C-alpha atoms as a PDB file:
ATOM      1  CA  MET A   1       0.000   0.000   0.000  1.00  0.00           C
ATOM      2  CA  ALA A   2       1.063   3.501  -0.713  1.00  0.00           C
ATOM      3  CA  ASP A   3       1.697   5.904   2.068  1.00  0.00           C
ATOM      4  CA  PRO A   4      -1.346   8.203   2.263  1.00  0.00           C
ATOM      5  CA  SER A   5       0.633  11.067   3.841  1.00  0.00           C
ATOM      6  CA  PRO A   6       1.422  13.803   1.390  1.00  0.00           C
ATOM      7  CA  SER A   7       5.040  14.257   0.488  1.00  0.00           C
ATOM      8  CA  PRO A   8       6.625  17.550   1.394  1.00  0.00           C
ATOM      9  CA  PRO A   9       6.596  20.043  -1.436  1.00  0.00           C
ATOM     10  CA  ARG A  10       9.767  20.099  -3.426  1.00  0.00           C
ATOM     11  CA  SER A  11      11.697  23.313  -3.455  1.00  0.00           C
ATOM     12  CA  PRO A  12      12.507  24.586  -6.900  1.00  0.00           C
ATOM     13  CA  SER A  13      15.950  23.600  -8.097  1.00  0.00           C
ATOM     14  CA  PRO A  14      18.467  26.296  -7.392  1.00  0.00           C
ATOM     15  CA  THR A  15      19.468  28.353 -10.390  1.00  0.00           C
ATOM     16  CA  PRO A  16      23.059  27.904 -11.387  1.00  0.00           C
ATOM     17  CA  SER A  17      25.243  30.687 -10.117  1.00  0.00           C
ATOM     18  CA  LEU A  18      27.317  32.832 -12.401  1.00  0.00           C
ATOM     19  CA  THR A  19      30.491  31.150 -11.239  1.00  0.00           C
ATOM     20  CA  SER A  20      29.299  27.690 -12.201  1.00  0.00           C
ATOM     21  CA  SER A  21      28.482  28.717 -15.769  1.00  0.00           C
ATOM     22  CA  PHE A  22      32.132  29.421 -16.600  1.00  0.00           C
ATOM     23  CA  PRO A  23      34.967  26.910 -16.615  1.00  0.00           C
ATOM     24  CA  PRO A  24      37.331  27.233 -13.657  1.00  0.00           C
ATOM     25  CA  TRP A  25      40.311  28.308 -15.776  1.00  0.00           C
ATOM     26  CA  SER A  26      38.434  31.332 -17.111  1.00  0.00           C
ATOM     27  CA  LEU A  27      37.558  32.476 -13.593  1.00  0.00           C
ATOM     28  CA  LEU A  28      41.206  32.188 -12.638  1.00  0.00           C
ATOM     29  CA  LEU A  29      42.191  34.153 -15.732  1.00  0.00           C
ATOM     30  CA  LEU A  30      39.694  36.911 -14.890  1.00  0.00           C
ATOM     31  CA  LYS A  31      40.992  37.068 -11.332  1.00  0.00           C
ATOM     32  CA  VAL A  32      44.609  37.327 -12.498  1.00  0.00           C
ATOM     33  CA  LEU A  33      43.854  39.963 -15.149  1.00  0.00           C
ATOM     34  CA  SER A  34      42.045  42.135 -12.638  1.00  0.00           C
ATOM     35  CA  LYS A  35      45.275  42.703 -10.721  1.00  0.00           C
ATOM     36  CA  ARG A  36      47.429  45.737 -11.430  1.00  0.00           C
ATOM     37  CA  ARG A  37      50.594  43.685 -10.945  1.00  0.00           C
ATOM     38  CA  THR A  38      49.593  41.502 -13.883  1.00  0.00           C
ATOM     39  CA  TRP A  39      49.392  44.491 -16.210  1.00  0.00           C
ATOM     40  CA  VAL A  40      52.714  45.860 -14.965  1.00  0.00           C
ATOM     41  CA  CYS A  41      54.382  42.495 -15.539  1.00  0.00           C
ATOM     42  CA  LEU A  42      52.764  42.243 -18.972  1.00  0.00           C
ATOM     43  CA  PHE A  43      54.055  45.721 -19.849  1.00  0.00           C
ATOM     44  CA  LEU A  44      57.578  44.837 -18.710  1.00  0.00           C
ATOM     45  CA  LEU A  45      57.455  41.556 -20.621  1.00  0.00           C
ATOM     46  CA  VAL A  46      56.315  43.203 -23.864  1.00  0.00           C
ATOM     47  CA  TYR A  47      58.867  45.989 -23.565  1.00  0.00           C
ATOM     48  CA  SER A  48      61.736  43.606 -22.825  1.00  0.00           C
ATOM     49  CA  VAL A  49      60.756  41.403 -25.787  1.00  0.00           C
ATOM     50  CA  LEU A  50      60.724  44.489 -27.999  1.00  0.00           C
ATOM     51  CA  ILE A  51      64.152  45.570 -26.790  1.00  0.00           C
ATOM     52  CA  LEU A  52      65.669  42.107 -27.123  1.00  0.00           C
ATOM     53  CA  SER A  53      64.258  41.608 -30.609  1.00  0.00           C
ATOM     54  CA  SER A  54      65.547  44.970 -31.769  1.00  0.00           C
ATOM     55  CA  TRP A  55      68.999  44.513 -30.219  1.00  0.00           C
ATOM     56  CA  ARG A  56      70.259  42.558 -33.246  1.00  0.00           C
ATOM     57  CA  LEU A  57      68.943  45.299 -35.514  1.00  0.00           C
ATOM     58  CA  LEU A  58      70.803  47.922 -33.512  1.00  0.00           C
ATOM     59  CA  LEU A  59      73.995  45.889 -33.673  1.00  0.00           C
ATOM     60  CA  SER A  60      73.646  45.444 -37.441  1.00  0.00           C
ATOM     61  CA  ILE A  61      73.185  49.212 -37.857  1.00  0.00           C
ATOM     62  CA  ARG A  62      76.326  49.741 -35.794  1.00  0.00           C
ATOM     63  CA  SER A  63      78.369  47.272 -37.848  1.00  0.00           C
ATOM     64  CA  TRP A  64      77.096  48.788 -41.118  1.00  0.00           C
ATOM     65  CA  TYR A  65      78.110  52.236 -39.889  1.00  0.00           C
ATOM     66  CA  ALA A  66      81.587  51.005 -38.902  1.00  0.00           C
ATOM     67  CA  ALA A  67      82.048  49.398 -42.335  1.00  0.00           C
ATOM     68  CA  SER A  68      80.828  52.475 -44.218  1.00  0.00           C
ATOM     69  CA  LEU A  69      82.934  54.759 -42.022  1.00  0.00           C
ATOM     70  CA  ALA A  70      86.084  53.011 -43.234  1.00  0.00           C
ATOM     71  CA  SER A  71      85.227  53.666 -46.873  1.00  0.00           C
ATOM     72  CA  SER A  72      83.798  57.195 -46.658  1.00  0.00           C
ATOM     73  CA  SER A  73      84.710  60.422 -44.896  1.00  0.00           C
ATOM     74  CA  SER A  74      81.371  62.177 -45.461  1.00  0.00           C
ATOM     75  CA  PRO A  75      78.766  62.584 -42.698  1.00  0.00           C
ATOM     76  CA  ILE A  76      76.111  60.792 -44.766  1.00  0.00           C
ATOM     77  CA  PRO A  77      76.633  57.337 -43.159  1.00  0.00           C
ATOM     78  CA  ALA A  78      76.247  58.935 -39.722  1.00  0.00           C
ATOM     79  CA  LEU A  79      73.032  60.574 -40.891  1.00  0.00           C
ATOM     80  CA  TYR A  80      71.653  57.274 -42.231  1.00  0.00           C
ATOM     81  CA  ALA A  81      72.643  55.397 -39.088  1.00  0.00           C
ATOM     82  CA  SER A  82      71.099  58.022 -36.823  1.00  0.00           C
ATOM     83  CA  VAL A  83      67.825  57.957 -38.785  1.00  0.00           C
ATOM     84  CA  LEU A  84      67.735  54.158 -38.443  1.00  0.00           C
ATOM     85  CA  TYR A  85      68.471  54.375 -34.709  1.00  0.00           C
ATOM     86  CA  GLY A  86      65.696  56.951 -34.371  1.00  0.00           C
ATOM     87  CA  ALA A  87      63.245  54.751 -36.249  1.00  0.00           C
ATOM     88  CA  VAL A  88      63.996  51.734 -34.050  1.00  0.00           C
ATOM     89  CA  PHE A  89      63.641  53.680 -30.818  1.00  0.00           C
ATOM     90  CA  GLY A  90      60.538  55.485 -32.105  1.00  0.00           C
ATOM     91  CA  LEU A  91      58.879  52.141 -32.796  1.00  0.00           C
ATOM     92  CA  LEU A  92      59.945  50.896 -29.363  1.00  0.00           C
ATOM     93  CA  SER A  93      58.449  53.918 -27.649  1.00  0.00           C
ATOM     94  CA  MET A  94      55.209  53.527 -29.606  1.00  0.00           C
ATOM     95  CA  GLY A  95      55.016  49.861 -28.576  1.00  0.00           C
ATOM     96  CA  ALA A  96      55.585  50.744 -24.927  1.00  0.00           C
ATOM     97  CA  ALA A  97      53.017  53.538 -25.055  1.00  0.00           C
ATOM     98  CA  LEU A  98      50.510  51.201 -26.686  1.00  0.00           C
ATOM     99  CA  ALA A  99      50.951  48.677 -23.892  1.00  0.00           C
ATOM    100  CA  VAL A 100      50.078  51.410 -21.394  1.00  0.00           C
ATOM    101  CA  ALA A 101      47.332  53.015 -23.483  1.00  0.00           C
ATOM    102  CA  VAL A 102      45.239  49.913 -24.190  1.00  0.00           C
ATOM    103  CA  PRO A 103      43.978  49.318 -20.617  1.00  0.00           C
ATOM    104  CA  ALA A 104      43.347  53.040 -20.087  1.00  0.00           C
ATOM    105  CA  THR A 105      41.472  53.270 -23.385  1.00  0.00           C
ATOM    106  CA  VAL A 106      39.291  50.291 -22.566  1.00  0.00           C
ATOM    107  CA  VAL A 107      38.390  51.791 -19.174  1.00  0.00           C
ATOM    108  CA  THR A 108      37.522  55.108 -20.840  1.00  0.00           C
ATOM    109  CA  TRP A 109      35.392  53.382 -23.452  1.00  0.00           C
ATOM    110  CA  ILE A 110      33.497  51.375 -20.837  1.00  0.00           C
ATOM    111  CA  THR A 111      32.935  54.497 -18.741  1.00  0.00           C
ATOM    112  CA  VAL A 112      31.484  56.381 -21.697  1.00  0.00           C
ATOM    113  CA  LEU A 113      29.114  53.520 -22.526  1.00  0.00           C
ATOM    114  CA  VAL A 114      27.977  53.159 -18.913  1.00  0.00           C
ATOM    115  CA  LEU A 115      27.327  56.898 -18.631  1.00  0.00           C
ATOM    116  CA  LEU A 116      25.353  56.842 -21.881  1.00  0.00           C
ATOM    117  CA  THR A 117      23.311  53.927 -20.535  1.00  0.00           C
ATOM    118  CA  PHE A 118      22.541  55.781 -17.309  1.00  0.00           C
ATOM    119  CA  ALA A 119      21.605  58.848 -19.339  1.00  0.00           C
ATOM    120  CA  GLY A 120      18.666  56.875 -20.690  1.00  0.00           C
ATOM    121  CA  ARG A 121      19.794  56.107 -24.213  1.00  0.00           C
ATOM    122  CA  ARG A 122      17.896  53.405 -25.995  1.00  0.00           C
ATOM    123  CA  ARG A 123      19.718  50.271 -27.023  1.00  0.00           C
ATOM    124  CA  ARG A 124      19.930  51.145 -30.724  1.00  0.00           C
ATOM    125  CA  ALA A 125      21.131  54.686 -29.998  1.00  0.00           C
ATOM    126  CA  LEU A 126      23.614  53.295 -27.477  1.00  0.00           C
ATOM    127  CA  VAL A 127      25.085  50.971 -30.119  1.00  0.00           C
ATOM    128  CA  GLU A 128      25.450  53.866 -32.563  1.00  0.00           C
ATOM    129  CA  GLU A 129      27.026  56.110 -29.912  1.00  0.00           C
ATOM    130  CA  GLY A 130      29.305  53.262 -28.854  1.00  0.00           C
ATOM    131  CA  GLN A 131      30.519  52.732 -32.418  1.00  0.00           C
ATOM    132  CA  ARG A 132      31.122  56.448 -32.812  1.00  0.00           C
ATOM    133  CA  ALA A 133      32.937  56.629 -29.468  1.00  0.00           C
ATOM    134  CA  THR A 134      35.065  53.611 -30.383  1.00  0.00           C
ATOM    135  CA  ARG A 135      36.066  55.185 -33.677  1.00  0.00           C
ATOM    136  CA  ASP A 136      36.896  58.526 -31.999  1.00  0.00           C
ATOM    137  CA  ILE A 137      38.934  56.885 -29.232  1.00  0.00           C
ATOM    138  CA  VAL A 138      40.932  54.731 -31.667  1.00  0.00           C
ATOM    139  CA  VAL A 139      41.704  57.727 -33.895  1.00  0.00           C
ATOM    140  CA  LEU A 140      42.764  59.819 -30.881  1.00  0.00           C
ATOM    141  CA  VAL A 141      45.010  57.058 -29.512  1.00  0.00           C
ATOM    142  CA  ALA A 142      46.595  56.536 -32.945  1.00  0.00           C
ATOM    143  CA  ARG A 143      47.327  60.274 -33.286  1.00  0.00           C
ATOM    144  CA  VAL A 144      48.885  60.462 -29.834  1.00  0.00           C
ATOM    145  CA  LEU A 145      50.964  57.321 -30.443  1.00  0.00           C
ATOM    146  CA  LEU A 146      52.267  58.638 -33.759  1.00  0.00           C
ATOM    147  CA  LYS A 147      53.085  62.033 -32.290  1.00  0.00           C
ATOM    148  CA  GLU A 148      54.893  60.561 -29.280  1.00  0.00           C
ATOM    149  CA  GLY A 149      56.688  57.969 -31.420  1.00  0.00           C
ATOM    150  CA  ASN A 150      57.822  60.593 -33.903  1.00  0.00           C
ATOM    151  CA  LEU A 151      59.041  62.823 -31.078  1.00  0.00           C
ATOM    152  CA  ALA A 152      61.028  59.967 -29.530  1.00  0.00           C
ATOM    153  CA  ALA A 153      62.412  59.004 -32.952  1.00  0.00           C
ATOM    154  CA  ALA A 154      63.490  62.577 -33.712  1.00  0.00           C
ATOM    155  CA  LEU A 155      65.159  63.023 -30.330  1.00  0.00           C
ATOM    156  CA  CYS A 156      66.940  59.677 -30.609  1.00  0.00           C
ATOM    157  CA  ALA A 157      68.048  60.388 -34.181  1.00  0.00           C
ATOM    158  CA  LEU A 158      69.430  63.768 -33.165  1.00  0.00           C
ATOM    159  CA  ALA A 159      71.237  62.352 -30.123  1.00  0.00           C
ATOM    160  CA  SER A 160      72.705  59.442 -32.086  1.00  0.00           C
ATOM    161  CA  PHE A 161      73.819  61.742 -34.927  1.00  0.00           C
ATOM    162  CA  VAL A 162      75.656  63.968 -32.453  1.00  0.00           C
ATOM    163  CA  ALA A 163      77.178  60.920 -30.740  1.00  0.00           C
ATOM    164  CA  LEU A 164      78.321  59.413 -34.043  1.00  0.00           C
ATOM    165  CA  ILE A 165      79.864  62.682 -35.248  1.00  0.00           C
ATOM    166  CA  VAL A 166      81.621  63.283 -31.902  1.00  0.00           C
ATOM    167  CA  ARG A 167      82.936  59.721 -31.879  1.00  0.00           C
ATOM    168  CA  ARG A 168      84.101  60.053 -35.461  1.00  0.00           C
ATOM    169  CA  SER A 169      85.981  63.253 -34.770  1.00  0.00           C
ATOM    170  CA  GLY A 170      88.037  61.440 -32.150  1.00  0.00           C
ATOM    171  CA  GLY A 171      86.240  62.538 -28.990  1.00  0.00           C
ATOM    172  CA  GLY A 172      84.838  59.097 -28.231  1.00  0.00           C
ATOM    173  CA  GLY A 173      87.803  56.739 -28.261  1.00  0.00           C
ATOM    174  CA  SER A 174      88.683  54.086 -30.804  1.00  0.00           C
ATOM    175  CA  GLU A 175      86.713  53.458 -33.954  1.00  0.00           C
ATOM    176  CA  GLU A 176      86.425  49.738 -33.343  1.00  0.00           C
ATOM    177  CA  GLY A 177      84.912  50.046 -29.904  1.00  0.00           C
ATOM    178  CA  THR A 178      85.629  47.747 -27.019  1.00  0.00           C
ATOM    179  CA  GLY A 179      83.836  44.764 -28.460  1.00  0.00           C
ATOM    180  CA  SER A 180      81.172  44.865 -25.771  1.00  0.00           C
ATOM    181  CA  GLY A 181      78.491  46.045 -28.164  1.00  0.00           C
ATOM    182  CA  VAL A 182      77.301  48.705 -25.734  1.00  0.00           C
ATOM    183  CA  ASP A 183      78.802  51.848 -27.206  1.00  0.00           C
ATOM    184  CA  LEU A 184      77.542  53.469 -30.381  1.00  0.00           C
END
C-alpha cells in the first residue's frame, strides 16, 4: 500500500550561479587579469621582448656604420645610421606607449558607454554612440601614439647623430669600440 501522507513540497531547483556557468580556468584568468601587478608584468614583458628583438637590428646598424665609415669620410653614413636608430627607438616607444594606453582606453570606453546607458539612451542609440565613441577613441590614440613615437624618434636620431659625429671626430675613443656592443 502507498503511504497516504502527502510528500513535502519540493523546493525549486536552485538556479546555477554565475560562477558555475564558466569553466574554472576562465575564472582564474579573470581574477589574475584584474590585478594591477599583472598588467605591470605584462608591460615589462612586452617591452623587454621588444628591446631584445631589436637589439640585433641595432647591432647590425652599428656594424654597417663602422664598415661604411672606413670607406667614406662624409657625414652621410652617420646621418643614415642616426635615422635608423631613431626609427627603431621610435617604434619601441610607440610599442611601450601602446601597452600602457590599451587598458586606459578600454576603461575610458566602458565608462562612456555606462554613462550613456545611465543617461537613458535606448539600445539602438547606445550601439550607434558606442561605435562612434570607439572610432573617436581609436583615432585619438593613434594620433597620440604617432606624435609621441615621432618625437622619440626625432630626439633619438638627433642624439645618435651627435654621438656618431663626436665619436668620429676622435672625442669618443677608438673606432672599433671595445667589443662589448654597448657603445655606439
